[in-house]
Protein backbone atom coordinates (compact mmCIF):
# COMPACT_ATOMS: atom_id res chain seq x y z
CA MET A 1 -6.72 8.04 5.10
CA THR A 2 -7.24 4.37 4.75
CA SER A 3 -7.29 2.83 1.21
CA LYS A 4 -11.05 2.61 1.25
CA GLU A 5 -11.23 6.34 2.56
CA ARG A 6 -8.80 7.38 -0.29
CA ILE A 7 -10.66 5.70 -3.04
CA SER A 8 -14.07 7.08 -1.44
CA ALA A 9 -12.82 10.62 -1.50
CA SER A 10 -11.57 10.18 -5.20
CA LEU A 11 -14.90 9.00 -6.37
CA ALA A 12 -16.51 11.84 -4.54
CA HIS A 13 -14.19 14.39 -6.54
CA ARG A 14 -12.52 15.38 -3.06
CA GLN A 15 -8.92 15.69 -2.87
CA PRO A 16 -7.53 12.67 -0.77
CA ASP A 17 -4.51 12.83 1.48
CA ARG A 18 -2.57 11.33 -1.39
CA MET A 19 -3.25 10.18 -4.99
CA ALA A 20 -5.23 6.79 -4.93
CA VAL A 21 -3.79 3.88 -6.93
CA ASP A 22 -5.14 0.67 -8.41
CA PHE A 23 -3.05 -2.32 -9.74
CA GLY A 24 -4.85 -5.50 -9.84
CA GLY A 25 -8.41 -4.43 -8.94
CA SER A 26 -10.05 -5.40 -12.27
CA SER A 27 -9.36 -7.34 -15.32
CA VAL A 28 -8.27 -4.09 -17.07
CA THR A 29 -6.02 -2.63 -14.33
CA GLY A 30 -3.84 -5.59 -13.83
CA MET A 31 -0.58 -7.29 -14.95
CA HIS A 32 0.58 -10.08 -17.14
CA VAL A 33 1.75 -13.21 -15.14
CA LEU A 34 5.38 -12.63 -16.64
CA ALA A 35 5.39 -8.99 -15.51
CA ILE A 36 4.61 -9.87 -12.05
CA GLU A 37 7.14 -12.50 -11.69
CA ASN A 38 9.94 -10.00 -13.23
CA LEU A 39 8.68 -7.50 -10.66
CA ARG A 40 8.69 -9.88 -7.67
CA ARG A 41 12.33 -10.84 -8.75
CA TYR A 42 13.42 -7.30 -8.95
CA TYR A 43 12.15 -6.46 -5.46
CA GLY A 44 13.69 -9.74 -4.01
CA LEU A 45 10.51 -11.41 -2.78
CA GLU A 46 10.68 -14.84 -2.28
CA TYR A 47 10.00 -16.86 -5.40
CA LYS A 48 6.52 -18.51 -5.93
CA PRO A 49 4.77 -19.39 -8.86
CA VAL A 50 2.34 -16.60 -10.02
CA ARG A 51 -1.29 -17.25 -9.80
CA MET A 52 -3.40 -16.82 -13.07
CA ILE A 53 -6.52 -15.00 -12.45
CA ASP A 54 -7.60 -14.60 -16.07
CA PRO A 55 -6.68 -16.75 -18.69
CA HIS A 56 -7.98 -14.81 -21.84
CA GLN A 57 -5.42 -12.03 -21.07
CA MET A 58 -2.97 -14.29 -18.85
CA LEU A 59 -3.44 -11.89 -16.05
CA GLY A 60 -1.69 -12.58 -12.69
CA GLU A 61 -2.62 -12.04 -8.98
CA ILE A 62 -0.86 -9.11 -7.45
CA ASP A 63 -0.60 -10.61 -4.04
CA THR A 64 -0.59 -8.53 -0.71
CA GLU A 65 3.41 -8.31 -0.81
CA LEU A 66 3.63 -6.85 -4.08
CA ALA A 67 0.54 -4.75 -3.61
CA ALA A 68 2.20 -3.41 -0.66
CA ILE A 69 5.36 -2.35 -2.21
CA ILE A 70 3.25 -0.75 -5.21
CA GLY A 71 1.02 1.00 -2.86
CA ALA A 72 -2.11 -0.21 -4.16
CA ASP A 73 -5.56 0.96 -2.64
CA THR A 74 -7.70 -1.61 -4.26
CA VAL A 75 -8.59 -5.35 -4.00
CA LEU A 76 -10.60 -7.60 -6.45
CA ALA A 77 -13.45 -9.48 -5.26
CA MET A 78 -13.01 -12.32 -7.77
CA GLY A 79 -15.89 -14.38 -9.13
CA ARG A 80 -16.44 -17.90 -9.12
CA ALA A 81 -15.43 -18.85 -12.23
CA ASN A 82 -12.81 -17.31 -15.07
CA SER A 83 -13.19 -16.06 -18.34
CA PHE A 84 -13.09 -19.69 -19.70
CA GLY A 85 -15.86 -20.73 -17.33
CA VAL A 86 -13.64 -22.78 -15.15
CA TYR A 87 -13.74 -22.53 -11.28
CA ASN A 88 -11.05 -20.07 -10.40
CA HIS A 89 -10.02 -21.00 -7.05
CA ALA A 90 -8.04 -23.75 -5.18
CA PRO A 91 -7.24 -26.41 -5.44
CA PHE A 92 -4.31 -25.12 -8.01
CA LYS A 93 -1.80 -26.85 -10.17
CA GLU A 94 1.45 -25.95 -11.63
CA TYR A 95 1.46 -24.99 -15.43
CA LEU A 96 4.38 -24.66 -17.81
CA THR A 97 3.33 -21.59 -20.30
CA PRO A 98 5.09 -21.35 -23.78
CA TRP A 99 7.41 -18.98 -22.61
CA LYS A 100 8.70 -21.44 -19.88
CA GLN A 101 7.20 -19.72 -16.84
CA THR A 102 5.70 -21.99 -14.25
CA ILE A 103 2.37 -20.34 -12.88
CA LEU A 104 -0.59 -21.59 -10.59
CA VAL A 105 -3.76 -22.34 -12.50
CA PRO A 106 -7.09 -23.70 -11.17
CA GLU A 107 -7.24 -27.51 -11.26
CA GLY A 108 -9.86 -27.30 -14.14
CA PHE A 109 -7.90 -25.39 -16.68
CA ALA A 110 -7.29 -27.66 -19.52
CA THR A 111 -5.30 -27.01 -22.82
CA THR A 112 -3.85 -28.92 -25.56
CA ILE A 113 -0.79 -28.18 -27.86
CA GLU A 114 -1.02 -28.22 -31.60
CA ASP A 115 1.95 -29.51 -33.85
CA ASN A 116 2.79 -25.95 -34.59
CA GLY A 117 3.33 -25.06 -30.81
CA ASP A 118 -0.01 -23.15 -30.57
CA VAL A 119 -2.00 -23.62 -27.22
CA LEU A 120 -5.71 -24.31 -27.30
CA GLY A 121 -7.85 -23.45 -24.53
CA TYR A 122 -11.37 -25.36 -23.75
CA PRO A 123 -14.76 -23.99 -22.39
CA GLN A 124 -14.95 -25.00 -18.71
CA GLY A 125 -11.97 -26.99 -19.08
CA ASP A 126 -13.72 -29.62 -21.05
CA LEU A 127 -11.48 -31.37 -23.61
CA THR A 128 -14.37 -33.24 -25.30
CA ALA A 129 -15.61 -29.87 -26.52
CA GLU A 130 -14.37 -27.88 -29.46
CA PRO A 131 -11.67 -25.50 -28.46
CA SER A 132 -12.70 -21.98 -27.82
CA ALA A 133 -9.45 -20.09 -27.80
CA ARG A 134 -6.08 -20.05 -29.18
CA MET A 135 -2.65 -18.80 -27.82
CA PRO A 136 -0.05 -18.70 -30.70
CA SER A 137 3.21 -20.52 -29.89
CA GLU A 138 4.90 -17.23 -29.74
CA GLY A 139 2.18 -15.28 -28.00
CA TYR A 140 1.50 -14.39 -24.43
CA PHE A 141 -2.20 -14.52 -24.29
CA PHE A 142 -5.38 -16.24 -25.87
CA ASP A 143 -7.42 -15.13 -28.67
CA ALA A 144 -11.18 -16.29 -29.02
CA ILE A 145 -11.79 -19.02 -31.75
CA ILE A 146 -14.79 -17.86 -33.62
CA ARG A 147 -17.01 -20.97 -33.64
CA HIS A 148 -20.14 -18.80 -35.19
CA LYS A 149 -22.56 -21.12 -37.23
CA PRO A 150 -24.20 -20.30 -40.35
CA PHE A 151 -27.66 -19.27 -39.89
CA ALA A 152 -31.00 -17.99 -41.74
CA GLU A 153 -31.97 -14.48 -41.14
CA GLU A 154 -35.43 -15.59 -40.11
CA ASP A 155 -34.21 -18.19 -37.65
CA LEU A 156 -32.29 -15.66 -35.53
CA ASN A 157 -33.41 -15.66 -31.93
CA PRO A 158 -32.13 -13.15 -29.30
CA GLU A 159 -32.25 -15.91 -26.65
CA ASP A 160 -29.40 -17.36 -28.08
CA ASN A 161 -27.00 -14.62 -27.48
CA LEU A 162 -28.43 -14.72 -23.93
CA GLU A 163 -27.22 -18.09 -23.08
CA GLU A 164 -24.54 -17.07 -20.66
CA TYR A 165 -26.88 -14.71 -18.96
CA GLY A 166 -28.97 -16.47 -16.42
CA MET A 167 -30.34 -15.91 -12.78
CA VAL A 168 -27.76 -16.05 -9.95
CA GLY A 169 -28.55 -19.22 -7.68
CA ASP A 170 -28.10 -19.77 -3.81
CA ALA A 171 -24.56 -20.97 -4.33
CA ASP A 172 -23.31 -17.97 -6.27
CA LEU A 173 -25.05 -15.81 -3.56
CA GLU A 174 -23.38 -17.56 -0.97
CA TYR A 175 -20.17 -17.44 -2.53
CA TRP A 176 -20.43 -13.55 -3.07
CA ARG A 177 -21.59 -13.11 0.24
CA LYS A 178 -18.34 -14.71 1.64
CA THR A 179 -15.98 -13.29 -1.03
CA ALA A 180 -17.34 -9.71 -0.39
CA ASP A 181 -16.88 -10.12 3.46
CA GLU A 182 -13.25 -11.14 2.94
CA ALA A 183 -12.43 -8.53 0.57
CA ARG A 184 -14.17 -5.84 2.63
CA ALA A 185 -11.80 -7.18 5.58
CA THR A 186 -8.79 -6.20 3.73
CA GLY A 187 -9.32 -2.23 4.47
CA LYS A 188 -8.82 -1.73 0.75
CA ALA A 189 -11.52 -0.18 -1.67
CA VAL A 190 -13.20 -3.25 -3.13
CA ILE A 191 -13.99 -3.69 -6.91
CA ALA A 192 -16.24 -6.38 -8.31
CA SER A 193 -17.38 -7.57 -11.62
CA LEU A 194 -20.84 -9.41 -10.66
CA GLY A 195 -21.28 -10.31 -14.33
CA GLY A 196 -24.32 -10.09 -16.70
CA THR A 197 -23.83 -6.46 -17.62
CA ALA A 198 -21.56 -6.48 -20.58
CA LEU A 199 -23.69 -5.14 -23.09
CA GLY A 200 -22.02 -6.00 -26.60
CA ASP A 201 -18.52 -6.35 -25.34
CA ILE A 202 -16.57 -8.14 -27.84
CA ALA A 203 -14.52 -10.11 -25.15
CA HIS A 204 -17.91 -11.85 -24.55
CA ILE A 205 -19.46 -12.08 -28.00
CA PRO A 206 -17.74 -15.08 -29.08
CA GLY A 207 -18.78 -17.15 -25.88
CA ILE A 208 -15.52 -18.41 -25.04
CA LYS A 209 -16.81 -20.02 -21.95
CA LEU A 210 -19.77 -21.71 -23.82
CA LYS A 211 -19.40 -25.32 -25.24
CA GLN A 212 -21.77 -24.66 -28.13
CA PRO A 213 -22.48 -20.94 -28.52
CA LYS A 214 -25.29 -20.21 -30.51
CA GLY A 215 -26.67 -16.90 -32.09
CA ILE A 216 -24.50 -14.07 -33.58
CA ARG A 217 -20.96 -15.09 -32.07
CA ASP A 218 -18.65 -13.69 -35.20
CA ILE A 219 -17.16 -10.14 -34.20
CA ALA A 220 -17.47 -8.90 -37.76
CA GLU A 221 -21.21 -10.08 -37.83
CA TRP A 222 -21.81 -8.81 -34.54
CA TYR A 223 -20.72 -5.19 -35.61
CA MET A 224 -22.57 -5.42 -38.78
CA SER A 225 -25.72 -6.34 -36.78
CA ILE A 226 -25.66 -2.75 -34.93
CA ILE A 227 -26.47 -1.36 -38.35
CA MET A 228 -28.24 -4.20 -40.20
CA ARG A 229 -30.23 -5.71 -37.17
CA PRO A 230 -30.67 -2.90 -34.41
CA ASP A 231 -33.90 -4.57 -33.35
CA TYR A 232 -32.20 -7.84 -32.76
CA VAL A 233 -29.43 -6.02 -30.68
CA LYS A 234 -32.33 -4.11 -28.71
CA ALA A 235 -34.02 -7.10 -27.91
CA ILE A 236 -30.95 -8.91 -26.44
CA PHE A 237 -30.05 -5.73 -24.42
CA ASP A 238 -33.48 -5.34 -23.19
CA ARG A 239 -33.75 -8.83 -21.84
CA GLN A 240 -30.16 -8.91 -20.79
CA SER A 241 -30.90 -5.59 -18.59
CA GLU A 242 -33.99 -7.27 -17.02
CA ILE A 243 -31.89 -10.39 -16.10
CA ALA A 244 -28.93 -8.15 -14.86
CA ILE A 245 -31.07 -5.93 -12.40
CA GLU A 246 -32.94 -8.95 -10.80
CA ASN A 247 -29.32 -10.56 -10.25
CA LEU A 248 -28.06 -7.06 -8.82
CA ARG A 249 -31.08 -7.07 -6.68
CA ARG A 250 -30.26 -10.49 -5.19
CA LEU A 251 -26.65 -10.01 -5.04
CA HIS A 252 -26.94 -6.64 -3.10
CA GLY A 253 -29.29 -8.32 -0.53
CA VAL A 254 -26.02 -10.54 0.45
CA ILE A 255 -23.03 -8.09 -0.43
CA GLY A 256 -24.52 -4.91 0.66
CA ASP A 257 -22.04 -2.25 1.12
CA ASN A 258 -18.97 -4.65 1.10
CA ILE A 259 -17.98 -3.61 -2.42
CA ASP A 260 -17.32 0.22 -3.38
CA VAL A 261 -17.11 -0.20 -7.28
CA VAL A 262 -18.80 -2.51 -9.60
CA TYR A 263 -17.42 -3.29 -12.98
CA ILE A 264 -20.37 -2.68 -15.56
CA CYS A 265 -19.05 -3.09 -18.97
CA GLY A 266 -15.88 -3.42 -21.07
CA THR A 267 -17.57 -2.49 -24.47
CA ASP A 268 -15.01 -0.58 -26.42
CA PHE A 269 -16.47 2.37 -28.41
CA GLY A 270 -13.19 3.70 -29.59
CA THR A 271 -10.37 2.83 -32.08
CA GLN A 272 -7.01 4.80 -32.20
CA ASP A 273 -8.39 7.38 -34.39
CA SER A 274 -12.32 7.37 -34.08
CA THR A 275 -15.10 5.32 -32.90
CA PHE A 276 -16.87 1.97 -33.78
CA CYS A 277 -20.26 3.55 -33.98
CA SER A 278 -21.70 6.98 -34.39
CA PRO A 279 -23.11 8.92 -31.16
CA GLU A 280 -26.30 8.62 -32.58
CA GLN A 281 -26.03 4.81 -32.61
CA TYR A 282 -24.82 4.92 -29.10
CA ASP A 283 -27.77 6.84 -28.04
CA GLU A 284 -30.30 4.60 -29.51
CA LEU A 285 -28.53 1.08 -28.69
CA TRP A 286 -26.76 1.39 -25.51
CA LEU A 287 -27.74 4.62 -23.63
CA PRO A 288 -31.12 3.64 -22.47
CA TYR A 289 -29.88 0.27 -21.03
CA TYR A 290 -26.98 1.69 -19.54
CA GLN A 291 -29.20 4.34 -17.96
CA ARG A 292 -31.55 1.52 -16.59
CA ILE A 293 -28.68 -0.46 -15.15
CA ASN A 294 -26.57 2.13 -13.66
CA GLY A 295 -30.19 3.91 -12.46
CA TRP A 296 -31.03 0.84 -10.38
CA ILE A 297 -27.60 0.73 -8.84
CA HIS A 298 -27.64 4.41 -7.72
CA ALA A 299 -31.07 4.30 -6.53
CA ASN A 300 -30.56 1.17 -4.37
CA THR A 301 -26.79 0.71 -3.40
CA SER A 302 -23.82 2.82 -2.61
CA TRP A 303 -21.86 1.20 -5.41
CA LYS A 304 -20.06 3.37 -8.08
CA THR A 305 -20.20 1.97 -11.42
CA PHE A 306 -17.08 1.60 -13.65
CA LYS A 307 -17.08 1.98 -17.58
CA HIS A 308 -14.17 0.62 -19.57
CA SER A 309 -13.70 1.82 -23.03
CA CYS A 310 -10.50 2.04 -25.01
CA GLY A 311 -9.72 4.47 -27.77
CA ALA A 312 -10.80 7.87 -28.92
CA VAL A 313 -13.95 8.28 -27.11
CA GLU A 314 -13.86 11.88 -26.22
CA SER A 315 -16.90 12.30 -28.26
CA PHE A 316 -18.79 9.68 -26.02
CA MET A 317 -17.72 11.28 -22.74
CA SER A 318 -20.70 13.34 -22.41
CA ARG A 319 -22.80 10.30 -23.22
CA PHE A 320 -21.03 7.93 -20.69
CA ILE A 321 -21.83 10.67 -18.02
CA ALA A 322 -25.53 10.80 -19.22
CA GLY A 323 -25.46 6.90 -19.12
CA GLY A 324 -24.92 7.00 -15.39
CA PHE A 325 -21.36 5.96 -15.15
CA ASP A 326 -19.20 7.37 -12.28
CA ILE A 327 -15.89 6.21 -13.69
CA ILE A 328 -14.17 5.75 -16.80
CA ASN A 329 -11.24 3.68 -17.79
CA PRO A 330 -8.65 3.31 -19.23
CA VAL A 331 -8.40 6.91 -20.45
CA GLN A 332 -6.32 6.15 -23.61
CA ILE A 333 -4.31 9.44 -23.56
CA ASN A 334 -2.41 8.50 -27.05
CA ALA A 335 -5.74 8.08 -29.04
CA ALA A 336 -7.14 10.95 -31.02
CA GLY A 337 -8.80 13.72 -29.28
CA MET A 338 -7.75 12.26 -25.64
CA ASP A 339 -5.83 15.13 -24.61
CA PRO A 340 -5.28 14.78 -20.72
CA VAL A 341 -5.66 18.54 -19.93
CA HIS A 342 -8.82 18.81 -22.15
CA LEU A 343 -10.26 15.76 -20.67
CA LYS A 344 -9.85 16.73 -16.90
CA ASN A 345 -10.86 20.31 -17.63
CA THR A 346 -14.03 19.40 -19.46
CA TYR A 347 -15.23 16.35 -17.79
CA GLY A 348 -13.22 16.10 -14.52
CA ARG A 349 -16.25 17.27 -12.21
CA ASP A 350 -18.59 14.64 -13.81
CA ILE A 351 -16.78 11.51 -14.26
CA VAL A 352 -13.63 9.88 -12.32
CA PHE A 353 -10.82 9.01 -14.58
CA TRP A 354 -9.66 5.69 -13.43
CA GLY A 355 -6.37 5.19 -15.71
CA GLY A 356 -4.48 7.53 -17.93
CA GLY A 357 -1.43 7.33 -15.57
CA ILE A 358 1.03 6.02 -18.31
CA ASP A 359 0.83 5.11 -22.08
CA THR A 360 1.37 1.45 -22.26
CA GLN A 361 1.52 1.36 -26.09
CA ARG A 362 4.67 3.38 -26.33
CA THR A 363 5.99 4.91 -23.31
CA LEU A 364 5.83 2.09 -20.69
CA PRO A 365 7.39 -0.72 -23.06
CA TYR A 366 9.56 1.41 -25.24
CA ALA A 367 10.88 4.46 -23.42
CA THR A 368 13.79 4.88 -20.99
CA PRO A 369 12.91 4.90 -17.25
CA ALA A 370 13.67 8.51 -17.28
CA LYS A 371 11.13 9.31 -19.75
CA VAL A 372 8.54 6.91 -18.09
CA ARG A 373 9.08 8.79 -14.80
CA GLU A 374 8.60 12.31 -16.55
CA GLU A 375 5.47 11.15 -18.20
CA ALA A 376 3.81 9.53 -15.13
CA LEU A 377 4.56 12.77 -13.07
CA ARG A 378 3.00 14.95 -15.69
CA LEU A 379 0.02 12.96 -15.94
CA CYS A 380 -0.47 12.68 -12.01
CA GLU A 381 -0.28 16.45 -11.83
CA ILE A 382 -3.03 16.97 -14.56
CA PHE A 383 -5.30 14.19 -13.42
CA SER A 384 -5.26 14.33 -9.62
CA LYS A 385 -6.13 17.98 -9.17
CA ASP A 386 -9.09 18.28 -7.05
CA GLY A 387 -9.74 14.66 -6.77
CA GLY A 388 -11.69 12.51 -9.20
CA PHE A 389 -8.62 10.32 -10.39
CA VAL A 390 -7.40 6.86 -9.51
CA PHE A 391 -3.88 6.06 -10.91
CA ALA A 392 -3.92 3.21 -13.20
CA THR A 393 -2.04 2.34 -16.52
CA VAL A 394 -3.81 2.75 -19.81
CA HIS A 395 -5.09 -0.85 -19.64
CA ASN A 396 -3.00 -3.94 -18.44
CA ILE A 397 0.84 -4.27 -18.14
CA GLN A 398 1.99 -6.77 -20.70
CA ALA A 399 4.43 -9.52 -20.53
CA ASN A 400 7.80 -8.30 -21.88
CA VAL A 401 7.58 -4.74 -20.55
CA PRO A 402 10.94 -3.96 -19.13
CA VAL A 403 11.01 -4.25 -15.62
CA GLU A 404 12.99 -1.07 -14.97
CA ASN A 405 10.27 0.68 -16.78
CA ILE A 406 7.77 -0.56 -14.45
CA VAL A 407 9.74 0.08 -11.29
CA ALA A 408 10.41 3.83 -12.59
CA MET A 409 6.55 3.94 -13.05
CA ILE A 410 6.14 3.00 -9.25
CA ASP A 411 8.91 5.23 -8.10
CA ALA A 412 7.09 8.12 -9.98
CA ILE A 413 3.75 7.31 -8.03
CA HIS A 414 5.74 7.34 -4.91
CA GLU A 415 7.44 10.50 -5.58
CA PHE A 416 4.27 12.19 -6.58
CA ASN A 417 2.54 10.90 -3.37
CA LYS A 418 5.80 11.69 -1.31
CA VAL A 419 5.81 8.10 0.36
């Protein structure tokens, strides 16, 4: 099978010729820039600065050389702008990180350094704007700076929380036409995040890419609004869904079948031990809008829809399925109730597990290579039976994961796949 055929079989819950693998196909199945550099060095690849593709998480590009060694079956069709709202393509410049790694960043990426060594990031690379993100001096990625302004309850306007969700224009359409064509030509399965469908995603609420975000932009205030202001949240989601579907219609007109998977939403519903809201709140606030967006996609395209949610979301699995999602990620197997055997036996015929291949909180960073191999092989055996599985780690591989452990995981994938 080709990579595209392998992913397609997995998405159709058929057994592929070997287990499908994703590294770098999305913003939640990638690697930190430092992990990539360490891995390239281990495999003896020629040195070159790693290209940063997401400043918020400091994810790097897994290029064709490294993807071939890993055996990745996916490719990311990357958007025009990154999470800071900066044009995310050439020309590039070299940038020295706080941990003294030289990486490549887009020319418009701009930061300043505070006296304590913290790095400040700016929306759209505009140094005259208020900084929107902070990387602690000893950190490896950026945190959002909350710039929420005081408001009177009677002045709340749902449109303020929709500032970043506009209609795609001709330049964006032409960009996506070309990008999807190029991604399809690789022969791999193509994943794209087309934007606008992130309903209440906490990564988006603070408005990192906006110079002057309005509305409810404080994370705690947003979570309280789910209970205190459900009508306000519904008004946002209703209009956002309308915009999203019109944009999807326009984008499908130029992309067609040149993408296979569309990343819909990264809203987390789980903590380590429980959920952020009740199932009934999910049914009221999210389910109708997920059904609307996914329903349009399934009625009008060949794309499969990708839902990311960390945490203990076993109680939401049937609801994700009812919402029309084809794929669930990252399958956080170390959270309460997320037993791999139970998940596969209970939901494996109705949703694809895209992740769950290795525990990235405890095993990958802290266990021995032998333990990494053992866990990866066990999870591959559980999840890959009868298709419906794409190997990915439980979220992104972080900066200081021992390279020997990453290699042990890759070797286990090859061992399982007999390649």
